[in-house]
Protein backbone atom coordinates (compact mmCIF):
# COMPACT_ATOMS: atom_id res chain seq x y z
CA UNK A 1 0.00 0.00 0.00
CA UNK A 2 1.51 3.32 -1.10
CA UNK A 3 1.08 6.11 1.43
CA UNK A 4 2.59 9.53 2.12
CA UNK A 5 5.01 7.78 4.47
CA UNK A 6 6.10 5.34 1.73
CA UNK A 7 6.91 8.14 -0.70
CA UNK A 8 8.51 10.25 2.01
CA UNK A 9 10.79 7.34 2.90
CA UNK A 10 11.88 6.93 -0.71
CA UNK A 11 12.62 10.64 -1.05
CA UNK A 12 14.60 10.55 2.21
CA UNK A 13 16.58 7.56 0.93
CA UNK A 14 17.42 9.51 -2.21
CA UNK A 15 18.46 12.61 -0.26
CA UNK A 16 20.64 10.47 2.01
CA UNK A 17 22.30 8.93 -1.09
CA UNK A 18 20.98 5.47 -0.20
CA UNK A 19 19.37 5.17 -3.63
CA UNK A 20 20.21 6.87 -6.92
CA UNK A 21 18.01 9.17 -8.96
CA UNK A 22 17.39 6.40 -11.54
CA UNK A 23 16.36 4.09 -8.66
CA UNK A 24 13.93 6.72 -7.33
CA UNK A 25 12.49 7.37 -10.79
CA UNK A 26 12.08 3.64 -11.47
CA UNK A 27 10.40 3.10 -8.10
CA UNK A 28 8.02 6.04 -8.69
CA UNK A 29 7.07 4.81 -12.17
CA UNK A 30 6.38 1.29 -10.90
CA UNK A 31 4.45 2.59 -7.89
CA UNK A 32 2.35 4.79 -10.14
CA UNK A 33 1.54 1.93 -12.51
CA UNK A 34 1.14 -0.96 -10.10
CA UNK A 35 0.76 0.52 -6.64
CA UNK A 36 -2.30 0.49 -4.48
CA UNK A 37 -2.86 3.83 -2.82
CA UNK A 38 -4.42 4.85 0.44
CA UNK A 39 -7.81 5.79 -1.00
CA UNK A 40 -8.14 9.24 0.60
CA UNK A 41 -4.68 10.21 -0.67
CA UNK A 42 -4.72 8.64 -4.15
CA UNK A 43 -4.92 11.84 -6.20
CA UNK A 44 -2.26 13.68 -4.20
CA UNK A 45 0.05 10.66 -4.22
CA UNK A 46 -0.36 10.23 -7.98
CA UNK A 47 0.68 13.84 -8.54
CA UNK A 48 3.83 13.46 -6.43
CA UNK A 49 4.74 10.13 -8.03
CA UNK A 50 4.23 11.59 -11.51
CA UNK A 51 6.67 14.37 -10.67
CA UNK A 52 9.22 11.90 -9.34
CA UNK A 53 8.75 9.65 -12.37
CA UNK A 54 9.72 12.52 -14.67
CA UNK A 55 12.82 13.50 -12.67
CA UNK A 56 15.18 11.76 -15.08
CA UNK A 57 14.13 14.02 -17.95
CA UNK A 58 16.56 16.93 -18.29
CA UNK A 59 13.77 19.48 -18.65
CA UNK A 60 12.32 18.45 -15.27
CA UNK A 61 15.25 17.28 -13.14
CA UNK A 62 14.97 17.14 -9.36
CA UNK A 63 16.44 19.98 -7.33
CA UNK A 64 16.73 20.29 -3.57
CA UNK A 65 13.85 22.77 -3.71
CA UNK A 66 11.73 20.24 -5.62
CA UNK A 67 12.38 17.60 -2.98
CA UNK A 68 11.61 20.06 -0.21
CA UNK A 69 8.30 21.02 -1.86
CA UNK A 70 7.30 17.41 -2.53
CA UNK A 71 8.05 16.48 1.07
CA UNK A 72 5.99 19.46 2.23
CA UNK A 73 3.06 18.29 0.07
CA UNK A 74 3.32 14.93 1.82
CA UNK A 75 3.29 16.54 5.26
CA UNK A 76 7.03 16.37 5.99
CA UNK A 77 9.74 18.96 6.42
CA UNK A 78 13.34 18.63 5.32
CA UNK A 79 16.34 19.67 7.37
CA UNK A 80 19.99 19.82 6.41
CA UNK A 81 22.74 18.79 8.77
CA UNK A 82 26.34 19.65 7.99
CA UNK A 83 29.12 17.69 9.66
CA UNK A 84 32.88 17.62 9.32
CA UNK A 85 34.12 15.02 6.87
PDB file of N, CA and C in Angstrom:
ATOM      1  N   UNK A   1       0.841  -1.171   0.000  1.00  0.00           N
ATOM      2  CA  UNK A   1       0.000   0.000   0.000  1.00  0.00           C
ATOM      3  C   UNK A   1       0.893   1.243   0.000  1.00  0.00           C
ATOM      4  N   UNK A   2       0.723   2.097  -0.985  1.00  0.00           N
ATOM      5  CA  UNK A   2       1.514   3.318  -1.102  1.00  0.00           C
ATOM      6  C   UNK A   2       0.829   4.417  -0.294  1.00  0.00           C
ATOM      7  N   UNK A   3       1.597   5.032   0.593  1.00  0.00           N
ATOM      8  CA  UNK A   3       1.081   6.108   1.431  1.00  0.00           C
ATOM      9  C   UNK A   3       2.047   7.297   1.362  1.00  0.00           C
ATOM     10  N   UNK A   4       1.684   8.379   2.036  1.00  0.00           N
ATOM     11  CA  UNK A   4       2.587   9.526   2.124  1.00  0.00           C
ATOM     12  C   UNK A   4       3.898   9.099   2.772  1.00  0.00           C
ATOM     13  N   UNK A   5       3.816   8.258   3.772  1.00  0.00           N
ATOM     14  CA  UNK A   5       5.014   7.775   4.471  1.00  0.00           C
ATOM     15  C   UNK A   5       5.917   6.978   3.523  1.00  0.00           C
ATOM     16  N   UNK A   6       5.324   6.153   2.685  1.00  0.00           N
ATOM     17  CA  UNK A   6       6.098   5.342   1.734  1.00  0.00           C
ATOM     18  C   UNK A   6       6.900   6.240   0.800  1.00  0.00           C
ATOM     19  N   UNK A   7       6.233   7.239   0.233  1.00  0.00           N
ATOM     20  CA  UNK A   7       6.911   8.142  -0.703  1.00  0.00           C
ATOM     21  C   UNK A   7       7.938   8.991   0.039  1.00  0.00           C
ATOM     22  N   UNK A   8       7.572   9.476   1.218  1.00  0.00           N
ATOM     23  CA  UNK A   8       8.514  10.253   2.014  1.00  0.00           C
ATOM     24  C   UNK A   8       9.771   9.467   2.322  1.00  0.00           C
ATOM     25  N   UNK A   9       9.627   8.201   2.618  1.00  0.00           N
ATOM     26  CA  UNK A   9      10.787   7.345   2.904  1.00  0.00           C
ATOM     27  C   UNK A   9      11.678   7.185   1.689  1.00  0.00           C
ATOM     28  N   UNK A  10      11.095   7.044   0.525  1.00  0.00           N
ATOM     29  CA  UNK A  10      11.881   6.929  -0.710  1.00  0.00           C
ATOM     30  C   UNK A  10      12.628   8.222  -1.011  1.00  0.00           C
ATOM     31  N   UNK A  11      11.958   9.355  -0.836  1.00  0.00           N
ATOM     32  CA  UNK A  11      12.615  10.641  -1.053  1.00  0.00           C
ATOM     33  C   UNK A  11      13.762  10.829  -0.058  1.00  0.00           C
ATOM     34  N   UNK A  12      13.545  10.452   1.192  1.00  0.00           N
ATOM     35  CA  UNK A  12      14.600  10.550   2.205  1.00  0.00           C
ATOM     36  C   UNK A  12      15.779   9.658   1.829  1.00  0.00           C
ATOM     37  N   UNK A  13      15.506   8.463   1.351  1.00  0.00           N
ATOM     38  CA  UNK A  13      16.582   7.561   0.934  1.00  0.00           C
ATOM     39  C   UNK A  13      17.393   8.186  -0.196  1.00  0.00           C
ATOM     40  N   UNK A  14      16.724   8.839  -1.117  1.00  0.00           N
ATOM     41  CA  UNK A  14      17.422   9.514  -2.215  1.00  0.00           C
ATOM     42  C   UNK A  14      18.284  10.655  -1.676  1.00  0.00           C
ATOM     43  N   UNK A  15      17.717  11.468  -0.807  1.00  0.00           N
ATOM     44  CA  UNK A  15      18.455  12.609  -0.265  1.00  0.00           C
ATOM     45  C   UNK A  15      19.631  12.182   0.608  1.00  0.00           C
ATOM     46  N   UNK A  16      19.542  11.002   1.208  1.00  0.00           N
ATOM     47  CA  UNK A  16      20.643  10.467   2.009  1.00  0.00           C
ATOM     48  C   UNK A  16      21.622   9.646   1.162  1.00  0.00           C
ATOM     49  N   UNK A  17      21.436   9.648  -0.144  1.00  0.00           N
ATOM     50  CA  UNK A  17      22.304   8.928  -1.085  1.00  0.00           C
ATOM     51  C   UNK A  17      22.274   7.423  -0.860  1.00  0.00           C
ATOM     52  N   UNK A  18      21.157   6.918  -0.365  1.00  0.00           N
ATOM     53  CA  UNK A  18      20.983   5.472  -0.195  1.00  0.00           C
ATOM     54  C   UNK A  18      20.472   4.828  -1.474  1.00  0.00           C
ATOM     55  N   UNK A  19      19.792   5.615  -2.302  1.00  0.00           N
ATOM     56  CA  UNK A  19      19.366   5.173  -3.632  1.00  0.00           C
ATOM     57  C   UNK A  19      19.722   6.279  -4.625  1.00  0.00           C
ATOM     58  N   UNK A  20      19.863   5.907  -5.878  1.00  0.00           N
ATOM     59  CA  UNK A  20      20.209   6.875  -6.924  1.00  0.00           C
ATOM     60  C   UNK A  20      18.945   7.496  -7.509  1.00  0.00           C
ATOM     61  N   UNK A  21      19.144   8.556  -8.280  1.00  0.00           N
ATOM     62  CA  UNK A  21      18.006   9.171  -8.962  1.00  0.00           C
ATOM     63  C   UNK A  21      17.322   8.171  -9.896  1.00  0.00           C
ATOM     64  N   UNK A  22      18.079   7.398 -10.701  1.00  0.00           N
ATOM     65  CA  UNK A  22      17.394   6.399 -11.536  1.00  0.00           C
ATOM     66  C   UNK A  22      16.590   5.381 -10.715  1.00  0.00           C
ATOM     67  N   UNK A  23      17.102   5.011  -9.539  1.00  0.00           N
ATOM     68  CA  UNK A  23      16.360   4.094  -8.665  1.00  0.00           C
ATOM     69  C   UNK A  23      15.056   4.732  -8.194  1.00  0.00           C
ATOM     70  N   UNK A  24      15.123   6.000  -7.794  1.00  0.00           N
ATOM     71  CA  UNK A  24      13.930   6.718  -7.334  1.00  0.00           C
ATOM     72  C   UNK A  24      12.909   6.850  -8.451  1.00  0.00           C
ATOM     73  N   UNK A  25      13.383   7.217  -9.629  1.00  0.00           N
ATOM     74  CA  UNK A  25      12.493   7.371 -10.789  1.00  0.00           C
ATOM     75  C   UNK A  25      11.832   6.034 -11.124  1.00  0.00           C
ATOM     76  N   UNK A  26      12.614   4.974 -11.169  1.00  0.00           N
ATOM     77  CA  UNK A  26      12.080   3.645 -11.472  1.00  0.00           C
ATOM     78  C   UNK A  26      11.034   3.231 -10.440  1.00  0.00           C
ATOM     79  N   UNK A  27      11.344   3.443  -9.162  1.00  0.00           N
ATOM     80  CA  UNK A  27      10.399   3.105  -8.103  1.00  0.00           C
ATOM     81  C   UNK A  27       9.102   3.895  -8.276  1.00  0.00           C
ATOM     82  N   UNK A  28       9.215   5.190  -8.540  1.00  0.00           N
ATOM     83  CA  UNK A  28       8.023   6.038  -8.691  1.00  0.00           C
ATOM     84  C   UNK A  28       7.174   5.583  -9.875  1.00  0.00           C
ATOM     85  N   UNK A  29       7.815   5.272 -10.991  1.00  0.00           N
ATOM     86  CA  UNK A  29       7.071   4.814 -12.169  1.00  0.00           C
ATOM     87  C   UNK A  29       6.333   3.513 -11.879  1.00  0.00           C
ATOM     88  N   UNK A  30       7.019   2.564 -11.240  1.00  0.00           N
ATOM     89  CA  UNK A  30       6.376   1.291 -10.904  1.00  0.00           C
ATOM     90  C   UNK A  30       5.251   1.487  -9.897  1.00  0.00           C
ATOM     91  N   UNK A  31       5.484   2.324  -8.900  1.00  0.00           N
ATOM     92  CA  UNK A  31       4.455   2.590  -7.889  1.00  0.00           C
ATOM     93  C   UNK A  31       3.227   3.237  -8.521  1.00  0.00           C
ATOM     94  N   UNK A  32       3.458   4.116  -9.473  1.00  0.00           N
ATOM     95  CA  UNK A  32       2.347   4.790 -10.144  1.00  0.00           C
ATOM     96  C   UNK A  32       1.541   3.814 -10.987  1.00  0.00           C
ATOM     97  N   UNK A  33       2.227   2.888 -11.644  1.00  0.00           N
ATOM     98  CA  UNK A  33       1.539   1.927 -12.513  1.00  0.00           C
ATOM     99  C   UNK A  33       0.883   0.792 -11.742  1.00  0.00           C
ATOM    100  N   UNK A  34       1.588   0.260 -10.752  1.00  0.00           N
ATOM    101  CA  UNK A  34       1.137  -0.962 -10.105  1.00  0.00           C
ATOM    102  C   UNK A  34       0.695  -0.801  -8.653  1.00  0.00           C
ATOM    103  N   UNK A  35       0.995   0.344  -8.068  1.00  0.00           N
ATOM    104  CA  UNK A  35       0.756   0.517  -6.640  1.00  0.00           C
ATOM    105  C   UNK A  35      -0.707   0.673  -6.269  1.00  0.00           C
ATOM    106  N   UNK A  36      -0.995   0.247  -5.070  1.00  0.00           N
ATOM    107  CA  UNK A  36      -2.302   0.487  -4.483  1.00  0.00           C
ATOM    108  C   UNK A  36      -2.125   1.630  -3.507  1.00  0.00           C
ATOM    109  N   UNK A  37      -2.994   2.629  -3.622  1.00  0.00           N
ATOM    110  CA  UNK A  37      -2.864   3.832  -2.823  1.00  0.00           C
ATOM    111  C   UNK A  37      -3.863   3.856  -1.680  1.00  0.00           C
ATOM    112  N   UNK A  38      -3.474   4.537  -0.613  1.00  0.00           N
ATOM    113  CA  UNK A  38      -4.425   4.850   0.444  1.00  0.00           C
ATOM    114  C   UNK A  38      -5.501   5.690  -0.231  1.00  0.00           C
ATOM    115  N   UNK A  39      -6.740   5.226  -0.184  1.00  0.00           N
ATOM    116  CA  UNK A  39      -7.813   5.794  -0.997  1.00  0.00           C
ATOM    117  C   UNK A  39      -7.966   7.308  -0.854  1.00  0.00           C
ATOM    118  N   UNK A  40      -7.932   7.812   0.368  1.00  0.00           N
ATOM    119  CA  UNK A  40      -8.143   9.239   0.596  1.00  0.00           C
ATOM    120  C   UNK A  40      -7.008  10.086   0.013  1.00  0.00           C
ATOM    121  N   UNK A  41      -5.873   9.488  -0.226  1.00  0.00           N
ATOM    122  CA  UNK A  41      -4.679  10.215  -0.669  1.00  0.00           C
ATOM    123  C   UNK A  41      -4.318   9.928  -2.125  1.00  0.00           C
ATOM    124  N   UNK A  42      -5.101   9.148  -2.819  1.00  0.00           N
ATOM    125  CA  UNK A  42      -4.722   8.639  -4.146  1.00  0.00           C
ATOM    126  C   UNK A  42      -4.375   9.750  -5.131  1.00  0.00           C
ATOM    127  N   UNK A  43      -5.182  10.788  -5.223  1.00  0.00           N
ATOM    128  CA  UNK A  43      -4.924  11.843  -6.202  1.00  0.00           C
ATOM    129  C   UNK A  43      -3.628  12.585  -5.871  1.00  0.00           C
ATOM    130  N   UNK A  44      -3.469  12.963  -4.621  1.00  0.00           N
ATOM    131  CA  UNK A  44      -2.263  13.681  -4.203  1.00  0.00           C
ATOM    132  C   UNK A  44      -1.007  12.832  -4.405  1.00  0.00           C
ATOM    133  N   UNK A  45      -1.090  11.549  -4.058  1.00  0.00           N
ATOM    134  CA  UNK A  45       0.049  10.659  -4.220  1.00  0.00           C
ATOM    135  C   UNK A  45       0.401  10.463  -5.688  1.00  0.00           C
ATOM    136  N   UNK A  46      -0.599  10.378  -6.538  1.00  0.00           N
ATOM    137  CA  UNK A  46      -0.363  10.227  -7.978  1.00  0.00           C
ATOM    138  C   UNK A  46       0.370  11.432  -8.542  1.00  0.00           C
ATOM    139  N   UNK A  47       0.021  12.622  -8.071  1.00  0.00           N
ATOM    140  CA  UNK A  47       0.684  13.843  -8.543  1.00  0.00           C
ATOM    141  C   UNK A  47       2.157  13.833  -8.147  1.00  0.00           C
ATOM    142  N   UNK A  48       2.448  13.493  -6.905  1.00  0.00           N
ATOM    143  CA  UNK A  48       3.827  13.461  -6.426  1.00  0.00           C
ATOM    144  C   UNK A  48       4.619  12.378  -7.167  1.00  0.00           C
ATOM    145  N   UNK A  49       4.040  11.209  -7.324  1.00  0.00           N
ATOM    146  CA  UNK A  49       4.736  10.126  -8.033  1.00  0.00           C
ATOM    147  C   UNK A  49       4.982  10.480  -9.498  1.00  0.00           C
ATOM    148  N   UNK A  50       4.040  11.163 -10.117  1.00  0.00           N
ATOM    149  CA  UNK A  50       4.226  11.591 -11.512  1.00  0.00           C
ATOM    150  C   UNK A  50       5.418  12.530 -11.626  1.00  0.00           C
ATOM    151  N   UNK A  51       5.543  13.433 -10.673  1.00  0.00           N
ATOM    152  CA  UNK A  51       6.668  14.372 -10.671  1.00  0.00           C
ATOM    153  C   UNK A  51       7.987  13.626 -10.482  1.00  0.00           C
ATOM    154  N   UNK A  52       8.011  12.682  -9.565  1.00  0.00           N
ATOM    155  CA  UNK A  52       9.222  11.896  -9.342  1.00  0.00           C
ATOM    156  C   UNK A  52       9.552  11.025 -10.545  1.00  0.00           C
ATOM    157  N   UNK A  53       8.533  10.496 -11.203  1.00  0.00           N
ATOM    158  CA  UNK A  53       8.747   9.646 -12.368  1.00  0.00           C
ATOM    159  C   UNK A  53       9.332  10.376 -13.552  1.00  0.00           C
ATOM    160  N   UNK A  54       9.183  11.713 -13.565  1.00  0.00           N
ATOM    161  CA  UNK A  54       9.718  12.524 -14.666  1.00  0.00           C
ATOM    162  C   UNK A  54      11.069  13.143 -14.321  1.00  0.00           C
ATOM    163  N   UNK A  55      11.598  12.851 -13.154  1.00  0.00           N
ATOM    164  CA  UNK A  55      12.818  13.504 -12.670  1.00  0.00           C
ATOM    165  C   UNK A  55      14.064  13.158 -13.476  1.00  0.00           C
ATOM    166  N   UNK A  56      14.012  12.117 -14.276  1.00  0.00           N
ATOM    167  CA  UNK A  56      15.182  11.758 -15.076  1.00  0.00           C
ATOM    168  C   UNK A  56      15.192  12.438 -16.443  1.00  0.00           C
ATOM    169  N   UNK A  57      14.195  13.252 -16.707  1.00  0.00           N
ATOM    170  CA  UNK A  57      14.134  14.020 -17.951  1.00  0.00           C
ATOM    171  C   UNK A  57      14.807  15.362 -17.695  1.00  0.00           C
ATOM    172  N   UNK A  58      15.764  15.720 -18.512  1.00  0.00           N
ATOM    173  CA  UNK A  58      16.560  16.926 -18.290  1.00  0.00           C
ATOM    174  C   UNK A  58      15.706  18.160 -18.064  1.00  0.00           C
ATOM    175  N   UNK A  59      14.618  18.296 -18.777  1.00  0.00           N
ATOM    176  CA  UNK A  59      13.766  19.482 -18.646  1.00  0.00           C
ATOM    177  C   UNK A  59      13.110  19.570 -17.270  1.00  0.00           C
ATOM    178  N   UNK A  60      12.966  18.451 -16.584  1.00  0.00           N
ATOM    179  CA  UNK A  60      12.320  18.449 -15.272  1.00  0.00           C
ATOM    180  C   UNK A  60      13.350  18.381 -14.146  1.00  0.00           C
ATOM    181  N   UNK A  61      14.247  17.415 -14.190  1.00  0.00           N
ATOM    182  CA  UNK A  61      15.250  17.279 -13.139  1.00  0.00           C
ATOM    183  C   UNK A  61      14.627  17.129 -11.763  1.00  0.00           C
ATOM    184  N   UNK A  62      15.457  17.219 -10.731  1.00  0.00           N
ATOM    185  CA  UNK A  62      14.969  17.140  -9.360  1.00  0.00           C
ATOM    186  C   UNK A  62      15.948  17.911  -8.484  1.00  0.00           C
ATOM    187  N   UNK A  63      15.587  19.133  -8.151  1.00  0.00           N
ATOM    188  CA  UNK A  63      16.440  19.976  -7.328  1.00  0.00           C
ATOM    189  C   UNK A  63      16.119  19.773  -5.850  1.00  0.00           C
ATOM    190  N   UNK A  64      16.981  20.321  -5.008  1.00  0.00           N
ATOM    191  CA  UNK A  64      16.728  20.286  -3.569  1.00  0.00           C
ATOM    192  C   UNK A  64      15.380  20.937  -3.277  1.00  0.00           C
ATOM    193  N   UNK A  65      15.111  22.066  -3.930  1.00  0.00           N
ATOM    194  CA  UNK A  65      13.850  22.775  -3.712  1.00  0.00           C
ATOM    195  C   UNK A  65      12.657  21.915  -4.124  1.00  0.00           C
ATOM    196  N   UNK A  66      12.802  21.157  -5.194  1.00  0.00           N
ATOM    197  CA  UNK A  66      11.734  20.243  -5.624  1.00  0.00           C
ATOM    198  C   UNK A  66      11.468  19.200  -4.540  1.00  0.00           C
ATOM    199  N   UNK A  67      12.530  18.610  -4.029  1.00  0.00           N
ATOM    200  CA  UNK A  67      12.384  17.597  -2.976  1.00  0.00           C
ATOM    201  C   UNK A  67      11.726  18.195  -1.739  1.00  0.00           C
ATOM    202  N   UNK A  68      12.168  19.380  -1.378  1.00  0.00           N
ATOM    203  CA  UNK A  68      11.611  20.058  -0.210  1.00  0.00           C
ATOM    204  C   UNK A  68      10.110  20.309  -0.392  1.00  0.00           C
ATOM    205  N   UNK A  69       9.714  20.760  -1.576  1.00  0.00           N
ATOM    206  CA  UNK A  69       8.300  21.024  -1.860  1.00  0.00           C
ATOM    207  C   UNK A  69       7.484  19.734  -1.877  1.00  0.00           C
ATOM    208  N   UNK A  70       8.013  18.687  -2.491  1.00  0.00           N
ATOM    209  CA  UNK A  70       7.299  17.413  -2.527  1.00  0.00           C
ATOM    210  C   UNK A  70       7.121  16.848  -1.118  1.00  0.00           C
ATOM    211  N   UNK A  71       8.157  16.943  -0.311  1.00  0.00           N
ATOM    212  CA  UNK A  71       8.045  16.481   1.075  1.00  0.00           C
ATOM    213  C   UNK A  71       7.006  17.296   1.833  1.00  0.00           C
ATOM    214  N   UNK A  72       6.983  18.600   1.585  1.00  0.00           N
ATOM    215  CA  UNK A  72       5.986  19.464   2.229  1.00  0.00           C
ATOM    216  C   UNK A  72       4.574  19.043   1.827  1.00  0.00           C
ATOM    217  N   UNK A  73       4.379  18.737   0.548  1.00  0.00           N
ATOM    218  CA  UNK A  73       3.064  18.285   0.066  1.00  0.00           C
ATOM    219  C   UNK A  73       2.634  16.996   0.758  1.00  0.00           C
ATOM    220  N   UNK A  74       3.612  16.199   1.147  1.00  0.00           N
ATOM    221  CA  UNK A  74       3.324  14.934   1.817  1.00  0.00           C
ATOM    222  C   UNK A  74       3.193  15.084   3.335  1.00  0.00           C
ATOM    223  N   UNK A  75       3.418  16.297   3.822  1.00  0.00           N
ATOM    224  CA  UNK A  75       3.292  16.540   5.257  1.00  0.00           C
ATOM    225  C   UNK A  75       4.588  16.404   6.032  1.00  0.00           C
ATOM    226  N   UNK A  76       5.722  16.477   5.354  1.00  0.00           N
ATOM    227  CA  UNK A  76       7.031  16.365   5.987  1.00  0.00           C
ATOM    228  C   UNK A  76       7.797  17.670   5.817  1.00  0.00           C
ATOM    229  N   UNK A  77       8.818  17.851   6.616  1.00  0.00           N
ATOM    230  CA  UNK A  77       9.738  18.965   6.420  1.00  0.00           C
ATOM    231  C   UNK A  77      11.138  18.381   6.276  1.00  0.00           C
ATOM    232  N   UNK A  78      11.967  19.082   5.541  1.00  0.00           N
ATOM    233  CA  UNK A  78      13.339  18.630   5.316  1.00  0.00           C
ATOM    234  C   UNK A  78      14.291  19.531   6.095  1.00  0.00           C
ATOM    235  N   UNK A  79      15.311  18.923   6.660  1.00  0.00           N
ATOM    236  CA  UNK A  79      16.343  19.669   7.374  1.00  0.00           C
ATOM    237  C   UNK A  79      17.704  19.215   6.853  1.00  0.00           C
ATOM    238  N   UNK A  80      18.633  20.133   6.846  1.00  0.00           N
ATOM    239  CA  UNK A  80      19.992  19.817   6.406  1.00  0.00           C
ATOM    240  C   UNK A  80      20.901  19.842   7.614  1.00  0.00           C
ATOM    241  N   UNK A  81      21.745  18.842   7.715  1.00  0.00           N
ATOM    242  CA  UNK A  81      22.744  18.789   8.773  1.00  0.00           C
ATOM    243  C   UNK A  81      24.110  18.726   8.120  1.00  0.00           C
ATOM    244  N   UNK A  82      24.984  19.616   8.531  1.00  0.00           N
ATOM    245  CA  UNK A  82      26.338  19.652   7.991  1.00  0.00           C
ATOM    246  C   UNK A  82      27.292  19.170   9.081  1.00  0.00           C
ATOM    247  N   UNK A  83      28.165  18.245   8.710  1.00  0.00           N
ATOM    248  CA  UNK A  83      29.121  17.685   9.660  1.00  0.00           C
ATOM    249  C   UNK A  83      30.505  17.670   9.010  1.00  0.00           C
ATOM    250  N   UNK A  84      31.523  17.705   9.832  1.00  0.00           N
ATOM    251  CA  UNK A  84      32.883  17.624   9.323  1.00  0.00           C
ATOM    252  C   UNK A  84      33.107  16.267   8.673  1.00  0.00           C
ATOM    253  N   UNK A  85      33.865  16.267   7.599  1.00  0.00           N
ATOM    254  CA  UNK A  85      34.116  15.022   6.874  1.00  0.00           C
ATOM    255  C   UNK A  85      35.142  14.174   7.565  1.00  0.00           C
TER     256      UNK A  85
END
